[in-house]
C-alpha atoms as a PDB file:
ATOM      1  CA  MET A   1      12.765 -12.919   5.230  1.00  0.00           C
ATOM      2  CA  ARG A   2      11.362  -9.392   5.066  1.00  0.00           C
ATOM      3  CA  LEU A   3       7.584  -9.002   5.043  1.00  0.00           C
ATOM      4  CA  ALA A   4       4.925  -6.301   5.132  1.00  0.00           C
ATOM      5  CA  LEU A   5       1.610  -6.239   6.942  1.00  0.00           C
ATOM      6  CA  ASP A   6      -1.595  -5.031   5.324  1.00  0.00           C
ATOM      7  CA  THR A   7      -4.109  -2.907   7.197  1.00  0.00           C
ATOM      8  CA  ASN A   8      -6.501  -5.772   7.941  1.00  0.00           C
ATOM      9  CA  ILE A   9      -3.852  -7.606   9.966  1.00  0.00           C
ATOM     10  CA  LEU A  10      -3.240  -4.473  12.046  1.00  0.00           C
ATOM     11  CA  ALA A  11      -6.972  -3.845  12.507  1.00  0.00           C
ATOM     12  CA  TYR A  12      -7.600  -7.400  13.691  1.00  0.00           C
ATOM     13  CA  ALA A  13      -4.662  -7.129  16.089  1.00  0.00           C
ATOM     14  CA  GLU A  14      -6.317  -3.962  17.446  1.00  0.00           C
ATOM     15  CA  GLY A  15      -9.490  -5.961  18.141  1.00  0.00           C
ATOM     16  CA  VAL A  16     -11.525  -4.801  15.155  1.00  0.00           C
ATOM     17  CA  GLY A  17     -13.263  -7.863  13.703  1.00  0.00           C
ATOM     18  CA  ASP A  18     -14.369 -11.304  14.769  1.00  0.00           C
ATOM     19  CA  ALA A  19     -12.731 -12.890  17.807  1.00  0.00           C
ATOM     20  CA  GLU A  20     -11.053 -15.705  15.874  1.00  0.00           C
ATOM     21  CA  ARG A  21      -9.314 -13.396  13.409  1.00  0.00           C
ATOM     22  CA  CYS A  22      -8.374 -10.930  16.145  1.00  0.00           C
ATOM     23  CA  ALA A  23      -6.748 -13.695  18.196  1.00  0.00           C
ATOM     24  CA  GLY A  24      -5.013 -15.050  15.093  1.00  0.00           C
ATOM     25  CA  ALA A  25      -3.650 -11.636  14.159  1.00  0.00           C
ATOM     26  CA  ILE A  26      -2.370 -10.990  17.667  1.00  0.00           C
ATOM     27  CA  LYS A  27      -0.552 -14.337  17.714  1.00  0.00           C
ATOM     28  CA  LEU A  28       0.828 -13.726  14.223  1.00  0.00           C
ATOM     29  CA  VAL A  29       2.200 -10.296  15.119  1.00  0.00           C
ATOM     30  CA  GLU A  30       3.699 -11.641  18.350  1.00  0.00           C
ATOM     31  CA  ASP A  31       5.400 -14.491  16.466  1.00  0.00           C
ATOM     32  CA  LEU A  32       6.926 -12.352  13.702  1.00  0.00           C
ATOM     33  CA  PRO A  33      10.518 -11.184  14.124  1.00  0.00           C
ATOM     34  CA  ALA A  34      10.146  -7.389  14.548  1.00  0.00           C
ATOM     35  CA  GLU A  35      13.255  -6.627  12.505  1.00  0.00           C
ATOM     36  CA  ALA A  36      11.726  -8.384   9.485  1.00  0.00           C
ATOM     37  CA  VAL A  37       8.408  -6.476   9.498  1.00  0.00           C
ATOM     38  CA  LEU A  38       7.617  -3.406   7.406  1.00  0.00           C
ATOM     39  CA  LEU A  39       4.511  -1.244   7.655  1.00  0.00           C
ATOM     40  CA  PRO A  40       3.782   0.772   4.519  1.00  0.00           C
ATOM     41  CA  ALA A  41       2.694   4.228   5.733  1.00  0.00           C
ATOM     42  CA  GLN A  42      -0.589   3.762   3.850  1.00  0.00           C
ATOM     43  CA  THR A  43      -1.512   0.973   6.283  1.00  0.00           C
ATOM     44  CA  ILE A  44      -0.991   3.298   9.235  1.00  0.00           C
ATOM     45  CA  GLY A  45      -3.324   5.905   7.729  1.00  0.00           C
ATOM     46  CA  GLU A  46      -5.948   3.297   6.934  1.00  0.00           C
ATOM     47  CA  LEU A  47      -5.704   1.861  10.449  1.00  0.00           C
ATOM     48  CA  PHE A  48      -6.277   5.308  11.961  1.00  0.00           C
ATOM     49  CA  ARG A  49      -9.422   5.693   9.842  1.00  0.00           C
ATOM     50  CA  ILE A  50     -10.694   2.236  10.875  1.00  0.00           C
ATOM     51  CA  LEU A  51     -10.023   2.827  14.564  1.00  0.00           C
ATOM     52  CA  VAL A  52     -11.835   6.173  14.529  1.00  0.00           C
ATOM     53  CA  SER A  53     -14.727   5.397  12.181  1.00  0.00           C
ATOM     54  CA  LYS A  54     -15.398   1.681  12.586  1.00  0.00           C
ATOM     55  CA  ALA A  55     -14.125   1.000  16.109  1.00  0.00           C
ATOM     56  CA  LYS A  56     -15.321   4.424  17.348  1.00  0.00           C
ATOM     57  CA  ARG A  57     -12.112   5.106  19.262  1.00  0.00           C
ATOM     58  CA  GLU A  58     -11.315   8.630  20.309  1.00  0.00           C
ATOM     59  CA  LYS A  59      -8.805  10.191  17.913  1.00  0.00           C
ATOM     60  CA  GLY A  60      -6.199  10.561  20.649  1.00  0.00           C
ATOM     61  CA  LEU A  61      -6.434   6.866  21.525  1.00  0.00           C
ATOM     62  CA  ALA A  62      -6.260   5.946  17.851  1.00  0.00           C
ATOM     63  CA  ARG A  63      -3.113   8.072  17.533  1.00  0.00           C
ATOM     64  CA  GLU A  64      -1.583   6.234  20.513  1.00  0.00           C
ATOM     65  CA  ALA A  65      -2.286   2.896  18.824  1.00  0.00           C
ATOM     66  CA  ILE A  66      -0.738   4.142  15.571  1.00  0.00           C
ATOM     67  CA  MET A  67       2.355   5.405  17.364  1.00  0.00           C
ATOM     68  CA  SER A  68       2.720   2.064  19.130  1.00  0.00           C
ATOM     69  CA  TRP A  69       2.758   0.270  15.768  1.00  0.00           C
ATOM     70  CA  ALA A  70       5.288   2.771  14.405  1.00  0.00           C
ATOM     71  CA  ASP A  71       7.480   2.259  17.476  1.00  0.00           C
ATOM     72  CA  SER A  72       7.349  -1.516  17.053  1.00  0.00           C
ATOM     73  CA  PHE A  73       8.035  -1.846  13.327  1.00  0.00           C
ATOM     74  CA  GLU A  74       9.713   0.067  10.523  1.00  0.00           C
ATOM     75  CA  VAL A  75       7.332   2.354   8.621  1.00  0.00           C
ATOM     76  CA  ALA A  76       8.024   2.998   4.926  1.00  0.00           C
ATOM     77  CA  ASP A  77       6.840   6.167   3.215  1.00  0.00           C
ATOM     78  CA  SER A  78       5.153   6.298  -0.173  1.00  0.00           C
ATOM     79  CA  SER A  79       7.154   7.995  -2.922  1.00  0.00           C
ATOM     80  CA  TRP A  80       6.282   9.259  -6.384  1.00  0.00           C
ATOM     81  CA  SER A  81       7.981   6.144  -7.748  1.00  0.00           C
ATOM     82  CA  SER A  82       5.790   3.901  -5.600  1.00  0.00           C
ATOM     83  CA  PHE A  83       2.689   5.775  -6.783  1.00  0.00           C
ATOM     84  CA  GLN A  84       3.730   5.234 -10.399  1.00  0.00           C
ATOM     85  CA  SER A  85       4.164   1.521  -9.751  1.00  0.00           C
ATOM     86  CA  ALA A  86       0.828   1.422  -7.923  1.00  0.00           C
ATOM     87  CA  ILE A  87      -0.943   3.022 -10.863  1.00  0.00           C
ATOM     88  CA  ASP A  88       0.559   0.412 -13.186  1.00  0.00           C
ATOM     89  CA  LEU A  89      -0.509  -2.366 -10.796  1.00  0.00           C
ATOM     90  CA  ALA A  90      -4.029  -0.962 -10.608  1.00  0.00           C
ATOM     91  CA  ILE A  91      -4.300  -0.781 -14.389  1.00  0.00           C
ATOM     92  CA  ASP A  92      -2.554  -4.055 -15.244  1.00  0.00           C
ATOM     93  CA  HIS A  93      -4.013  -6.235 -12.486  1.00  0.00           C
ATOM     94  CA  GLY A  94      -7.255  -4.519 -11.493  1.00  0.00           C
ATOM     95  CA  LEU A  95      -6.190  -3.697  -7.948  1.00  0.00           C
ATOM     96  CA  ARG A  96      -7.584  -0.778  -5.991  1.00  0.00           C
ATOM     97  CA  ILE A  97      -5.049   2.037  -5.992  1.00  0.00           C
ATOM     98  CA  TRP A  98      -4.473   2.000  -2.225  1.00  0.00           C
ATOM     99  CA  ASP A  99      -3.919  -1.771  -2.149  1.00  0.00           C
ATOM    100  CA  ALA A 100      -1.572  -1.381  -5.106  1.00  0.00           C
ATOM    101  CA  LEU A 101       0.331   1.351  -3.253  1.00  0.00           C
ATOM    102  CA  ILE A 102       0.849  -0.938  -0.263  1.00  0.00           C
ATOM    103  CA  MET A 103       2.194  -3.631  -2.600  1.00  0.00           C
ATOM    104  CA  ALA A 104       4.463  -1.181  -4.417  1.00  0.00           C
ATOM    105  CA  VAL A 105       5.970   0.174  -1.190  1.00  0.00           C
ATOM    106  CA  ALA A 106       6.508  -3.358   0.127  1.00  0.00           C
ATOM    107  CA  ALA A 107       8.207  -4.439  -3.109  1.00  0.00           C
ATOM    108  CA  GLU A 108      10.404  -1.323  -3.211  1.00  0.00           C
ATOM    109  CA  ASN A 109      11.521  -2.089   0.337  1.00  0.00           C
ATOM    110  CA  ARG A 110      12.625  -5.630  -0.543  1.00  0.00           C
ATOM    111  CA  CYS A 111       9.767  -7.473   1.134  1.00  0.00           C
ATOM    112  CA  ARG A 112       9.181 -11.028  -0.037  1.00  0.00           C
ATOM    113  CA  LEU A 113       5.722 -11.350   1.544  1.00  0.00           C
ATOM    114  CA  LEU A 114       2.707  -9.137   2.052  1.00  0.00           C
ATOM    115  CA  LEU A 115       0.404 -10.600   4.687  1.00  0.00           C
ATOM    116  CA  SER A 116      -3.111  -9.641   3.645  1.00  0.00           C
ATOM    117  CA  GLU A 117      -6.599 -11.025   3.766  1.00  0.00           C
ATOM    118  CA  ASP A 118      -7.865  -8.614   1.103  1.00  0.00           C
ATOM    119  CA  LEU A 119      -5.625  -9.398  -1.852  1.00  0.00           C
ATOM    120  CA  GLN A 120      -5.429 -12.576  -3.919  1.00  0.00           C
ATOM    121  CA  ASN A 121      -3.577 -15.236  -1.961  1.00  0.00           C
ATOM    122  CA  GLY A 122      -0.488 -16.291  -3.917  1.00  0.00           C
ATOM    123  CA  PHE A 123      -0.423 -13.255  -6.234  1.00  0.00           C
ATOM    124  CA  THR A 124       3.217 -12.418  -6.954  1.00  0.00           C
ATOM    125  CA  TRP A 125       4.569  -9.150  -8.339  1.00  0.00           C
ATOM    126  CA  ARG A 126       8.203  -7.999  -8.413  1.00  0.00           C
ATOM    127  CA  GLY A 127       9.235 -10.780  -6.057  1.00  0.00           C
ATOM    128  CA  LEU A 128       6.512  -9.919  -3.525  1.00  0.00           C
ATOM    129  CA  THR A 129       3.968 -12.661  -2.804  1.00  0.00           C
ATOM    130  CA  VAL A 130       0.624 -12.026  -1.129  1.00  0.00           C
ATOM    131  CA  VAL A 131      -0.093 -14.513   1.653  1.00  0.00           C
ATOM    132  CA  ASN A 132      -3.407 -14.716   3.478  1.00  0.00           C
ATOM    133  CA  PRO A 133      -2.406 -15.851   6.979  1.00  0.00           C
ATOM    134  CA  PHE A 134      -6.022 -16.865   7.668  1.00  0.00           C
ATOM    135  CA  ALA A 135      -6.339 -19.129   4.613  1.00  0.00           C
ATOM    136  CA  ALA A 136      -6.979 -22.803   5.307  1.00  0.00           C
ATOM    137  CA  GLU A 137      -3.969 -23.971   3.320  1.00  0.00           C
ATOM    138  CA  SER A 138      -0.617 -23.488   4.981  1.00  0.00           C
ATOM    139  CA  SER A 139       1.870 -21.262   3.241  1.00  0.00           C
ATOM    140  CA  ARG A 140       5.441 -22.455   3.148  1.00  0.00           C
ATOM    141  CA  TRP A 141       6.449 -18.784   2.848  1.00  0.00           C
ATOM    142  CA  LEU A 142       4.665 -17.877   6.065  1.00  0.00           C
ATOM    143  CA  ASP A 143       6.047 -20.969   7.771  1.00  0.00           C
ATOM    144  CA  THR A 144       9.543 -19.855   6.745  1.00  0.00           C
ATOM    145  CA  ALA A 145       8.955 -16.317   8.033  1.00  0.00           C
ATOM    146  CA  LEU A 146       7.778 -17.725  11.358  1.00  0.00           C
ATOM    147  CA  ASN A 147      10.631 -20.261  11.496  1.00  0.00           C
ATOM    148  CA  ARG A 148       8.287 -23.205  11.809  1.00  0.00           C
ATOM    149  CA  SER A 149       7.865 -26.452   9.912  1.00  0.00           C
ATOM    150  CA  SER A 150       5.149 -26.764   7.281  1.00  0.00           C
ATOM    151  CA  ASP A 151       2.960 -28.710   9.727  1.00  0.00           C
ATOM    152  CA  GLY A 152       2.635 -25.557  11.883  1.00  0.00           C
ATOM    153  CA  LYS A 153       5.020 -26.609  14.689  1.00  0.00           C
END
C-alpha cells in the first residue's frame, strides 16, 4: 500500500517536538517499507523551514537532513494540476492551501494513506485517507501498511 508522510511526521523524526512523538515517528519511519513511501515536495520545503526556524539548525545541516529524506524516499513534485485540486480542496473542505496541496500530490501519486497529525483523522478524498499515527485508536489501514495485526503485533 502506497502512503505519503506529512511534514509533522518528518519533523518529529528529526527530533522536533516532544520525546514521545519523536520516538514514535522514528519507529514509524523505520517500520515503513521505503518503496511504499512518498514525500510530497511541499513537505520537504516545510521541513527545511521548521529545522531552520524552530529547531535553529544551521541551513547547511538542515539541507543535509532534507537530502537524506530525499535519498530515502521518493519525492513528488507539485504540478499545476495538483494546485488546482488543492484549491478545490481548500474551498470545498476548508483546508489550508498547503495541507491541501500535500493531499492533492499524494492522491495524484496513487497513495492510499496520508500519515498526518494535523489533518482530520479518517478524512478521505479521492481514495486517500488521512491517518493520525499518534491517535489512540488503531487504524486498520496503518496496521496493513506496517504488515501487522490490528492488535499492534
